[in-house]
Each structure stands twice: as structure tokens, then as C-alpha cells.
Amino acid sequence: MTKKGNDLYNCIEHAPELVITASKGNGTMDSVGIAINGKAYNADHKYQEKILAKNLYLNQIYAGHLEEAKEYMHTIEIMPEVGSIYDIRIKPIYQRKFEF
């Protein structure tokens, strides 16, 4: 969830394409990486109750004005399209692309 009008919200509204990357390892040559390409969009208040139920700290952050916060907070939904994995630990380097 994010607040309507903040930088993240505005960025997604104007350029919804995104890439999420992550890696794990103790250095470049000892790493595995993953990338997921997709689009993000404003899903309004969809999933809001589930998000608040699973992330109880949000109720603390918005204590005293939770109902008001529910109005201006919007859910950002990510629709993955393609992904890839790179395993640099082995030779030859393993690379695989996949679709969702």
C-alpha cells in the first residue's frame, strides 16, 4: 500500500513498467540473482483489509486515524510478466528465462 500522490504512486501512474532484482551471495562470483519484469498498477483499496490484518504494525502507525488512512492509501498490485535467473557460482554461468 502507498499513499495516493506520493512519489511511488505517481511513478507507477506515469510509468508502470518495473523490474525487481535480488541477489544472494558473498561476492559477485559467489552469487545467484533473479530479475522479474512486469507492470504495477493502482488496485485502489483491493486487498487492503488483508494487508492490514497481516501487517499489524500498520494499525499502530495509523492509530487514531486508521479509517482516514484507508481512504488515501491505495494498493499497488504487481503483475509479473517475465523473469530470469543467473547463477554465477557455476561454470558455465547458468541463465534461464521464464514467463508467468
PDB file of N, CA and C in Angstrom:
ATOM      1  N   MET A   1       0.848  -1.181   0.000  1.00  0.00           N
ATOM      2  CA  MET A   1       0.000   0.000   0.000  1.00  0.00           C
ATOM      3  C   MET A   1       0.884   1.230   0.000  1.00  0.00           C
ATOM      4  N   THR A   2       0.383   2.263  -0.626  1.00  0.00           N
ATOM      5  CA  THR A   2       1.074   3.538  -0.647  1.00  0.00           C
ATOM      6  C   THR A   2       0.058   4.665  -0.687  1.00  0.00           C
ATOM      7  N   LYS A   3       0.501   5.829  -0.301  1.00  0.00           N
ATOM      8  CA  LYS A   3      -0.387   6.986  -0.254  1.00  0.00           C
ATOM      9  C   LYS A   3      -0.564   7.582  -1.642  1.00  0.00           C
ATOM     10  N   LYS A   4      -1.797   7.836  -2.003  1.00  0.00           N
ATOM     11  CA  LYS A   4      -2.081   8.459  -3.290  1.00  0.00           C
ATOM     12  C   LYS A   4      -1.394   9.817  -3.335  1.00  0.00           C
ATOM     13  N   GLY A   5      -0.657  10.064  -4.409  1.00  0.00           N
ATOM     14  CA  GLY A   5       0.011  11.335  -4.589  1.00  0.00           C
ATOM     15  C   GLY A   5       1.478  11.357  -4.200  1.00  0.00           C
ATOM     16  N   ASN A   6       1.978  10.304  -3.524  1.00  0.00           N
ATOM     17  CA  ASN A   6       3.402  10.333  -3.173  1.00  0.00           C
ATOM     18  C   ASN A   6       4.239   9.916  -4.392  1.00  0.00           C
ATOM     19  N   ASP A   7       5.552   9.950  -4.250  1.00  0.00           N
ATOM     20  CA  ASP A   7       6.445   9.686  -5.382  1.00  0.00           C
ATOM     21  C   ASP A   7       6.240   8.293  -5.983  1.00  0.00           C
ATOM     22  N   LEU A   8       6.142   7.264  -5.149  1.00  0.00           N
ATOM     23  CA  LEU A   8       5.938   5.907  -5.665  1.00  0.00           C
ATOM     24  C   LEU A   8       4.637   5.821  -6.440  1.00  0.00           C
ATOM     25  N   TYR A   9       3.569   6.324  -5.878  1.00  0.00           N
ATOM     26  CA  TYR A   9       2.257   6.297  -6.528  1.00  0.00           C
ATOM     27  C   TYR A   9       2.322   7.020  -7.871  1.00  0.00           C
ATOM     28  N   ASN A  10       2.891   8.217  -7.891  1.00  0.00           N
ATOM     29  CA  ASN A  10       2.976   8.990  -9.128  1.00  0.00           C
ATOM     30  C   ASN A  10       3.835   8.303 -10.178  1.00  0.00           C
ATOM     31  N   CYS A  11       4.916   7.693  -9.752  1.00  0.00           N
ATOM     32  CA  CYS A  11       5.790   6.975 -10.676  1.00  0.00           C
ATOM     33  C   CYS A  11       5.043   5.822 -11.337  1.00  0.00           C
ATOM     34  N   ILE A  12       4.309   5.064 -10.561  1.00  0.00           N
ATOM     35  CA  ILE A  12       3.560   3.928 -11.102  1.00  0.00           C
ATOM     36  C   ILE A  12       2.452   4.398 -12.027  1.00  0.00           C
ATOM     37  N   GLU A  13       1.821   5.495 -11.696  1.00  0.00           N
ATOM     38  CA  GLU A  13       0.764   6.039 -12.547  1.00  0.00           C
ATOM     39  C   GLU A  13       1.310   6.467 -13.912  1.00  0.00           C
ATOM     40  N   HIS A  14       2.533   7.005 -13.941  1.00  0.00           N
ATOM     41  CA  HIS A  14       3.091   7.532 -15.190  1.00  0.00           C
ATOM     42  C   HIS A  14       3.970   6.541 -15.941  1.00  0.00           C
ATOM     43  N   ALA A  15       4.550   5.576 -15.253  1.00  0.00           N
ATOM     44  CA  ALA A  15       5.439   4.597 -15.882  1.00  0.00           C
ATOM     45  C   ALA A  15       5.321   3.281 -15.130  1.00  0.00           C
ATOM     46  N   PRO A  16       4.318   2.483 -15.455  1.00  0.00           N
ATOM     47  CA  PRO A  16       4.048   1.282 -14.666  1.00  0.00           C
ATOM     48  C   PRO A  16       5.019   0.119 -14.872  1.00  0.00           C
ATOM     49  N   GLU A  17       5.904   0.200 -15.861  1.00  0.00           N
ATOM     50  CA  GLU A  17       6.841  -0.897 -16.073  1.00  0.00           C
ATOM     51  C   GLU A  17       7.856  -0.929 -14.937  1.00  0.00           C
ATOM     52  N   LEU A  18       8.173  -2.128 -14.467  1.00  0.00           N
ATOM     53  CA  LEU A  18       9.128  -2.232 -13.374  1.00  0.00           C
ATOM     54  C   LEU A  18       9.973  -3.480 -13.502  1.00  0.00           C
ATOM     55  N   VAL A  19      11.107  -3.450 -12.824  1.00  0.00           N
ATOM     56  CA  VAL A  19      11.996  -4.595 -12.717  1.00  0.00           C
ATOM     57  C   VAL A  19      12.357  -4.735 -11.251  1.00  0.00           C
ATOM     58  N   ILE A  20      12.154  -5.919 -10.713  1.00  0.00           N
ATOM     59  CA  ILE A  20      12.540  -6.224  -9.338  1.00  0.00           C
ATOM     60  C   ILE A  20      13.743  -7.153  -9.424  1.00  0.00           C
ATOM     61  N   THR A  21      14.821  -6.794  -8.756  1.00  0.00           N
ATOM     62  CA  THR A  21      16.018  -7.626  -8.783  1.00  0.00           C
ATOM     63  C   THR A  21      16.437  -7.978  -7.366  1.00  0.00           C
ATOM     64  N   ALA A  22      17.075  -9.119  -7.255  1.00  0.00           N
ATOM     65  CA  ALA A  22      17.596  -9.554  -5.961  1.00  0.00           C
ATOM     66  C   ALA A  22      18.779 -10.480  -6.217  1.00  0.00           C
ATOM     67  N   SER A  23      19.676 -10.525  -5.266  1.00  0.00           N
ATOM     68  CA  SER A  23      20.801 -11.448  -5.374  1.00  0.00           C
ATOM     69  C   SER A  23      21.164 -11.957  -3.989  1.00  0.00           C
ATOM     70  N   LYS A  24      21.836 -13.096  -3.988  1.00  0.00           N
ATOM     71  CA  LYS A  24      22.292 -13.676  -2.734  1.00  0.00           C
ATOM     72  C   LYS A  24      23.672 -14.261  -2.979  1.00  0.00           C
ATOM     73  N   GLY A  25      24.573 -13.951  -2.080  1.00  0.00           N
ATOM     74  CA  GLY A  25      25.923 -14.473  -2.201  1.00  0.00           C
ATOM     75  C   GLY A  25      26.896 -13.624  -1.419  1.00  0.00           C
ATOM     76  N   ASN A  26      28.143 -14.080  -1.396  1.00  0.00           N
ATOM     77  CA  ASN A  26      29.191 -13.384  -0.646  1.00  0.00           C
ATOM     78  C   ASN A  26      30.122 -12.600  -1.558  1.00  0.00           C
ATOM     79  N   GLY A  27      29.699 -12.297  -2.740  1.00  0.00           N
ATOM     80  CA  GLY A  27      30.509 -11.573  -3.706  1.00  0.00           C
ATOM     81  C   GLY A  27      30.002 -11.894  -5.096  1.00  0.00           C
ATOM     82  N   THR A  28      30.494 -11.168  -6.063  1.00  0.00           N
ATOM     83  CA  THR A  28      29.993 -11.319  -7.430  1.00  0.00           C
ATOM     84  C   THR A  28      30.095 -12.751  -7.927  1.00  0.00           C
ATOM     85  N   MET A  29      31.230 -13.388  -7.755  1.00  0.00           N
ATOM     86  CA  MET A  29      31.430 -14.728  -8.307  1.00  0.00           C
ATOM     87  C   MET A  29      30.829 -15.831  -7.440  1.00  0.00           C
ATOM     88  N   ASP A  30      30.187 -15.463  -6.360  1.00  0.00           N
ATOM     89  CA  ASP A  30      29.546 -16.432  -5.470  1.00  0.00           C
ATOM     90  C   ASP A  30      28.068 -16.061  -5.304  1.00  0.00           C
ATOM     91  N   SER A  31      27.442 -15.623  -6.395  1.00  0.00           N
ATOM     92  CA  SER A  31      26.086 -15.088  -6.283  1.00  0.00           C
ATOM     93  C   SER A  31      25.096 -15.763  -7.217  1.00  0.00           C
ATOM     94  N   VAL A  32      23.863 -15.698  -6.785  1.00  0.00           N
ATOM     95  CA  VAL A  32      22.711 -16.086  -7.593  1.00  0.00           C
ATOM     96  C   VAL A  32      21.816 -14.862  -7.650  1.00  0.00           C
ATOM     97  N   GLY A  33      21.344 -14.524  -8.830  1.00  0.00           N
ATOM     98  CA  GLY A  33      20.486 -13.358  -8.969  1.00  0.00           C
ATOM     99  C   GLY A  33      19.200 -13.698  -9.678  1.00  0.00           C
ATOM    100  N   ILE A  34      18.186 -12.919  -9.409  1.00  0.00           N
ATOM    101  CA  ILE A  34      16.893 -13.104 -10.056  1.00  0.00           C
ATOM    102  C   ILE A  34      16.361 -11.727 -10.438  1.00  0.00           C
ATOM    103  N   ALA A  35      15.683 -11.662 -11.559  1.00  0.00           N
ATOM    104  CA  ALA A  35      15.048 -10.425 -12.004  1.00  0.00           C
ATOM    105  C   ALA A  35      13.637 -10.759 -12.472  1.00  0.00           C
ATOM    106  N   ILE A  36      12.691  -9.931 -12.115  1.00  0.00           N
ATOM    107  CA  ILE A  36      11.302 -10.102 -12.540  1.00  0.00           C
ATOM    108  C   ILE A  36      10.849  -8.794 -13.178  1.00  0.00           C
ATOM    109  N   ASN A  37      10.412  -8.894 -14.429  1.00  0.00           N
ATOM    110  CA  ASN A  37       9.891  -7.737 -15.155  1.00  0.00           C
ATOM    111  C   ASN A  37       8.374  -7.829 -15.178  1.00  0.00           C
ATOM    112  N   GLY A  38       7.722  -6.696 -15.045  1.00  0.00           N
ATOM    113  CA  GLY A  38       6.272  -6.684 -15.083  1.00  0.00           C
ATOM    114  C   GLY A  38       5.728  -5.277 -15.056  1.00  0.00           C
ATOM    115  N   LYS A  39       4.489  -5.186 -14.675  1.00  0.00           N
ATOM    116  CA  LYS A  39       3.821  -3.893 -14.576  1.00  0.00           C
ATOM    117  C   LYS A  39       3.168  -3.783 -13.205  1.00  0.00           C
ATOM    118  N   ALA A  40       3.101  -2.560 -12.735  1.00  0.00           N
ATOM    119  CA  ALA A  40       2.437  -2.276 -11.466  1.00  0.00           C
ATOM    120  C   ALA A  40       1.275  -1.346 -11.757  1.00  0.00           C
ATOM    121  N   TYR A  41       0.211  -1.531 -11.026  1.00  0.00           N
ATOM    122  CA  TYR A  41      -0.928  -0.628 -11.209  1.00  0.00           C
ATOM    123  C   TYR A  41      -1.667  -0.419  -9.906  1.00  0.00           C
ATOM    124  N   ASN A  42      -2.411   0.654  -9.888  1.00  0.00           N
ATOM    125  CA  ASN A  42      -3.200   1.019  -8.724  1.00  0.00           C
ATOM    126  C   ASN A  42      -4.421   0.100  -8.656  1.00  0.00           C
ATOM    127  N   ALA A  43      -4.516  -0.675  -7.609  1.00  0.00           N
ATOM    128  CA  ALA A  43      -5.656  -1.569  -7.412  1.00  0.00           C
ATOM    129  C   ALA A  43      -6.632  -0.972  -6.398  1.00  0.00           C
ATOM    130  N   ASP A  44      -6.564   0.352  -6.231  1.00  0.00           N
ATOM    131  CA  ASP A  44      -7.409   1.085  -5.283  1.00  0.00           C
ATOM    132  C   ASP A  44      -7.306   0.488  -3.890  1.00  0.00           C
ATOM    133  N   HIS A  45      -8.413   0.006  -3.342  1.00  0.00           N
ATOM    134  CA  HIS A  45      -8.427  -0.499  -1.968  1.00  0.00           C
ATOM    135  C   HIS A  45      -8.485  -2.026  -1.913  1.00  0.00           C
ATOM    136  N   LYS A  46      -8.259  -2.653  -3.063  1.00  0.00           N
ATOM    137  CA  LYS A  46      -8.265  -4.112  -3.136  1.00  0.00           C
ATOM    138  C   LYS A  46      -7.180  -4.658  -2.208  1.00  0.00           C
ATOM    139  N   TYR A  47      -7.470  -5.707  -1.497  1.00  0.00           N
ATOM    140  CA  TYR A  47      -6.565  -6.389  -0.571  1.00  0.00           C
ATOM    141  C   TYR A  47      -6.245  -5.576   0.690  1.00  0.00           C
ATOM    142  N   GLN A  48      -6.810  -4.398   0.840  1.00  0.00           N
ATOM    143  CA  GLN A  48      -6.456  -3.528   1.956  1.00  0.00           C
ATOM    144  C   GLN A  48      -6.686  -4.197   3.309  1.00  0.00           C
ATOM    145  N   GLU A  49      -7.825  -4.820   3.476  1.00  0.00           N
ATOM    146  CA  GLU A  49      -8.117  -5.466   4.764  1.00  0.00           C
ATOM    147  C   GLU A  49      -7.157  -6.622   5.030  1.00  0.00           C
ATOM    148  N   LYS A  50      -6.814  -7.385   3.994  1.00  0.00           N
ATOM    149  CA  LYS A  50      -5.862  -8.491   4.159  1.00  0.00           C
ATOM    150  C   LYS A  50      -4.482  -7.968   4.527  1.00  0.00           C
ATOM    151  N   ILE A  51      -4.067  -6.885   3.887  1.00  0.00           N
ATOM    152  CA  ILE A  51      -2.760  -6.300   4.175  1.00  0.00           C
ATOM    153  C   ILE A  51      -2.706  -5.807   5.614  1.00  0.00           C
ATOM    154  N   LEU A  52      -3.734  -5.116   6.055  1.00  0.00           N
ATOM    155  CA  LEU A  52      -3.776  -4.611   7.427  1.00  0.00           C
ATOM    156  C   LEU A  52      -3.820  -5.745   8.446  1.00  0.00           C
ATOM    157  N   ALA A  53      -4.496  -6.837   8.108  1.00  0.00           N
ATOM    158  CA  ALA A  53      -4.587  -7.981   9.021  1.00  0.00           C
ATOM    159  C   ALA A  53      -3.248  -8.698   9.154  1.00  0.00           C
ATOM    160  N   LYS A  54      -2.454  -8.752   8.079  1.00  0.00           N
ATOM    161  CA  LYS A  54      -1.175  -9.462   8.115  1.00  0.00           C
ATOM    162  C   LYS A  54      -0.017  -8.585   8.589  1.00  0.00           C
ATOM    163  N   ASN A  55      -0.185  -7.289   8.534  1.00  0.00           N
ATOM    164  CA  ASN A  55       0.871  -6.356   8.925  1.00  0.00           C
ATOM    165  C   ASN A  55       0.347  -5.469  10.049  1.00  0.00           C
ATOM    166  N   LEU A  56       0.280  -6.038  11.227  1.00  0.00           N
ATOM    167  CA  LEU A  56      -0.336  -5.349  12.364  1.00  0.00           C
ATOM    168  C   LEU A  56       0.340  -4.036  12.721  1.00  0.00           C
ATOM    169  N   TYR A  57       1.608  -3.879  12.364  1.00  0.00           N
ATOM    170  CA  TYR A  57       2.301  -2.628  12.670  1.00  0.00           C
ATOM    171  C   TYR A  57       1.659  -1.444  11.944  1.00  0.00           C
ATOM    172  N   LEU A  58       1.001  -1.693  10.795  1.00  0.00           N
ATOM    173  CA  LEU A  58       0.316  -0.613  10.090  1.00  0.00           C
ATOM    174  C   LEU A  58      -0.801  -0.028  10.949  1.00  0.00           C
ATOM    175  N   ASN A  59      -1.461  -0.872  11.713  1.00  0.00           N
ATOM    176  CA  ASN A  59      -2.500  -0.387  12.618  1.00  0.00           C
ATOM    177  C   ASN A  59      -1.908   0.523  13.689  1.00  0.00           C
ATOM    178  N   GLN A  60      -0.676   0.248  14.095  1.00  0.00           N
ATOM    179  CA  GLN A  60      -0.007   1.109  15.076  1.00  0.00           C
ATOM    180  C   GLN A  60       0.421   2.427  14.439  1.00  0.00           C
ATOM    181  N   ILE A  61       0.941   2.352  13.210  1.00  0.00           N
ATOM    182  CA  ILE A  61       1.384   3.563  12.519  1.00  0.00           C
ATOM    183  C   ILE A  61       0.220   4.525  12.332  1.00  0.00           C
ATOM    184  N   TYR A  62      -0.928   3.986  11.965  1.00  0.00           N
ATOM    185  CA  TYR A  62      -2.099   4.822  11.689  1.00  0.00           C
ATOM    186  C   TYR A  62      -3.088   4.867  12.849  1.00  0.00           C
ATOM    187  N   ALA A  63      -2.628   4.527  14.056  1.00  0.00           N
ATOM    188  CA  ALA A  63      -3.507   4.554  15.230  1.00  0.00           C
ATOM    189  C   ALA A  63      -4.108   5.945  15.384  1.00  0.00           C
ATOM    190  N   GLY A  64      -5.389   5.970  15.641  1.00  0.00           N
ATOM    191  CA  GLY A  64      -6.092   7.235  15.832  1.00  0.00           C
ATOM    192  C   GLY A  64      -6.676   7.807  14.555  1.00  0.00           C
ATOM    193  N   HIS A  65      -6.180   7.343  13.402  1.00  0.00           N
ATOM    194  CA  HIS A  65      -6.763   7.813  12.139  1.00  0.00           C
ATOM    195  C   HIS A  65      -6.729   6.724  11.063  1.00  0.00           C
ATOM    196  N   LEU A  66      -6.926   5.474  11.502  1.00  0.00           N
ATOM    197  CA  LEU A  66      -6.889   4.335  10.584  1.00  0.00           C
ATOM    198  C   LEU A  66      -7.958   4.439   9.496  1.00  0.00           C
ATOM    199  N   GLU A  67      -9.161   4.807   9.859  1.00  0.00           N
ATOM    200  CA  GLU A  67     -10.232   4.887   8.855  1.00  0.00           C
ATOM    201  C   GLU A  67      -9.933   5.956   7.800  1.00  0.00           C
ATOM    202  N   GLU A  68      -9.364   7.072   8.235  1.00  0.00           N
ATOM    203  CA  GLU A  68      -8.969   8.121   7.285  1.00  0.00           C
ATOM    204  C   GLU A  68      -7.840   7.622   6.382  1.00  0.00           C
ATOM    205  N   ALA A  69      -6.880   6.926   6.971  1.00  0.00           N
ATOM    206  CA  ALA A  69      -5.754   6.391   6.199  1.00  0.00           C
ATOM    207  C   ALA A  69      -6.225   5.398   5.144  1.00  0.00           C
ATOM    208  N   LYS A  70      -7.232   4.601   5.462  1.00  0.00           N
ATOM    209  CA  LYS A  70      -7.760   3.646   4.497  1.00  0.00           C
ATOM    210  C   LYS A  70      -8.282   4.336   3.244  1.00  0.00           C
ATOM    211  N   GLU A  71      -8.730   5.564   3.392  1.00  0.00           N
ATOM    212  CA  GLU A  71      -9.258   6.310   2.244  1.00  0.00           C
ATOM    213  C   GLU A  71      -8.142   6.752   1.300  1.00  0.00           C
ATOM    214  N   TYR A  72      -7.007   7.223   1.848  1.00  0.00           N
ATOM    215  CA  TYR A  72      -5.962   7.740   0.970  1.00  0.00           C
ATOM    216  C   TYR A  72      -4.871   6.719   0.640  1.00  0.00           C
ATOM    217  N   MET A  73      -4.878   5.574   1.308  1.00  0.00           N
ATOM    218  CA  MET A  73      -3.911   4.523   0.985  1.00  0.00           C
ATOM    219  C   MET A  73      -4.485   3.648  -0.126  1.00  0.00           C
ATOM    220  N   HIS A  74      -3.656   3.342  -1.101  1.00  0.00           N
ATOM    221  CA  HIS A  74      -4.074   2.518  -2.229  1.00  0.00           C
ATOM    222  C   HIS A  74      -3.128   1.329  -2.364  1.00  0.00           C
ATOM    223  N   THR A  75      -3.661   0.223  -2.813  1.00  0.00           N
ATOM    224  CA  THR A  75      -2.878  -0.976  -3.013  1.00  0.00           C
ATOM    225  C   THR A  75      -2.230  -0.929  -4.390  1.00  0.00           C
ATOM    226  N   ILE A  76      -0.952  -1.228  -4.447  1.00  0.00           N
ATOM    227  CA  ILE A  76      -0.245  -1.350  -5.709  1.00  0.00           C
ATOM    228  C   ILE A  76      -0.119  -2.842  -5.996  1.00  0.00           C
ATOM    229  N   GLU A  77      -0.643  -3.261  -7.122  1.00  0.00           N
ATOM    230  CA  GLU A  77      -0.599  -4.674  -7.496  1.00  0.00           C
ATOM    231  C   GLU A  77       0.427  -4.852  -8.606  1.00  0.00           C
ATOM    232  N   ILE A  78       1.258  -5.862  -8.459  1.00  0.00           N
ATOM    233  CA  ILE A  78       2.297  -6.146  -9.446  1.00  0.00           C
ATOM    234  C   ILE A  78       1.893  -7.367 -10.255  1.00  0.00           C
ATOM    235  N   MET A  79       1.943  -7.203 -11.570  1.00  0.00           N
ATOM    236  CA  MET A  79       1.644  -8.303 -12.484  1.00  0.00           C
ATOM    237  C   MET A  79       2.948  -8.709 -13.165  1.00  0.00           C
ATOM    238  N   PRO A  80       3.586  -9.787 -12.698  1.00  0.00           N
ATOM    239  CA  PRO A  80       4.849 -10.216 -13.311  1.00  0.00           C
ATOM    240  C   PRO A  80       4.594 -10.750 -14.725  1.00  0.00           C
ATOM    241  N   GLU A  81       5.544 -10.511 -15.617  1.00  0.00           N
ATOM    242  CA  GLU A  81       5.425 -10.978 -16.997  1.00  0.00           C
ATOM    243  C   GLU A  81       6.526 -11.977 -17.345  1.00  0.00           C
ATOM    244  N   VAL A  82       7.782 -11.584 -17.138  1.00  0.00           N
ATOM    245  CA  VAL A  82       8.912 -12.468 -17.422  1.00  0.00           C
ATOM    246  C   VAL A  82       9.925 -12.360 -16.297  1.00  0.00           C
ATOM    247  N   GLY A  83      10.744 -13.370 -16.190  1.00  0.00           N
ATOM    248  CA  GLY A  83      11.780 -13.365 -15.180  1.00  0.00           C
ATOM    249  C   GLY A  83      13.015 -14.071 -15.683  1.00  0.00           C
ATOM    250  N   SER A  84      14.090 -13.920 -14.963  1.00  0.00           N
ATOM    251  CA  SER A  84      15.322 -14.618 -15.310  1.00  0.00           C
ATOM    252  C   SER A  84      16.110 -14.884 -14.040  1.00  0.00           C
ATOM    253  N   ILE A  85      16.908 -15.929 -14.115  1.00  0.00           N
ATOM    254  CA  ILE A  85      17.770 -16.293 -13.001  1.00  0.00           C
ATOM    255  C   ILE A  85      19.181 -16.459 -13.532  1.00  0.00           C
ATOM    256  N   TYR A  86      20.137 -15.984 -12.747  1.00  0.00           N
ATOM    257  CA  TYR A  86      21.547 -16.089 -13.096  1.00  0.00           C
ATOM    258  C   TYR A  86      22.282 -16.716 -11.930  1.00  0.00           C
ATOM    259  N   ASP A  87      22.958 -17.824 -12.191  1.00  0.00           N
ATOM    260  CA  ASP A  87      23.763 -18.461 -11.151  1.00  0.00           C
ATOM    261  C   ASP A  87      25.216 -18.358 -11.581  1.00  0.00           C
ATOM    262  N   ILE A  88      25.935 -17.428 -10.959  1.00  0.00           N
ATOM    263  CA  ILE A  88      27.316 -17.151 -11.334  1.00  0.00           C
ATOM    264  C   ILE A  88      28.277 -18.077 -10.586  1.00  0.00           C
ATOM    265  N   ARG A  89      27.765 -18.877  -9.659  1.00  0.00           N
ATOM    266  CA  ARG A  89      28.626 -19.755  -8.868  1.00  0.00           C
ATOM    267  C   ARG A  89      29.162 -20.920  -9.670  1.00  0.00           C
ATOM    268  N   ILE A  90      28.505 -21.259 -10.764  1.00  0.00           N
ATOM    269  CA  ILE A  90      28.902 -22.429 -11.546  1.00  0.00           C
ATOM    270  C   ILE A  90      29.431 -21.992 -12.907  1.00  0.00           C
ATOM    271  N   LYS A  91      30.201 -22.860 -13.537  1.00  0.00           N
ATOM    272  CA  LYS A  91      30.733 -22.600 -14.871  1.00  0.00           C
ATOM    273  C   LYS A  91      30.276 -23.719 -15.784  1.00  0.00           C
ATOM    274  N   PRO A  92      29.730 -23.445 -16.930  1.00  0.00           N
ATOM    275  CA  PRO A  92      29.407 -22.107 -17.400  1.00  0.00           C
ATOM    276  C   PRO A  92      28.262 -21.513 -16.566  1.00  0.00           C
ATOM    277  N   ILE A  93      28.173 -20.197 -16.582  1.00  0.00           N
ATOM    278  CA  ILE A  93      27.139 -19.499 -15.831  1.00  0.00           C
ATOM    279  C   ILE A  93      25.772 -19.994 -16.279  1.00  0.00           C
ATOM    280  N   TYR A  94      24.935 -20.307 -15.300  1.00  0.00           N
ATOM    281  CA  TYR A  94      23.577 -20.771 -15.599  1.00  0.00           C
ATOM    282  C   TYR A  94      22.657 -19.568 -15.738  1.00  0.00           C
ATOM    283  N   GLN A  95      21.928 -19.543 -16.848  1.00  0.00           N
ATOM    284  CA  GLN A  95      20.946 -18.482 -17.066  1.00  0.00           C
ATOM    285  C   GLN A  95      19.689 -19.120 -17.633  1.00  0.00           C
ATOM    286  N   ARG A  96      18.565 -18.709 -17.069  1.00  0.00           N
ATOM    287  CA  ARG A  96      17.285 -19.240 -17.526  1.00  0.00           C
ATOM    288  C   ARG A  96      16.260 -18.124 -17.498  1.00  0.00           C
ATOM    289  N   LYS A  97      15.479 -18.012 -18.564  1.00  0.00           N
ATOM    290  CA  LYS A  97      14.380 -17.048 -18.606  1.00  0.00           C
ATOM    291  C   LYS A  97      13.073 -17.825 -18.516  1.00  0.00           C
ATOM    292  N   PHE A  98      12.071 -17.186 -17.912  1.00  0.00           N
ATOM    293  CA  PHE A  98      10.771 -17.842 -17.767  1.00  0.00           C
ATOM    294  C   PHE A  98       9.665 -16.802 -17.843  1.00  0.00           C
ATOM    295  N   GLU A  99       8.487 -17.272 -18.163  1.00  0.00           N
ATOM    296  CA  GLU A  99       7.309 -16.395 -18.236  1.00  0.00           C
ATOM    297  C   GLU A  99       6.323 -16.803 -17.157  1.00  0.00           C
ATOM    298  N   PHE A 100       5.528 -15.841 -16.752  1.00  0.00           N
ATOM    299  CA  PHE A 100       4.486 -16.106 -15.741  1.00  0.00           C
ATOM    300  C   PHE A 100       3.174 -16.373 -16.436  1.00  0.00           C
TER     301      PHE A 100
END
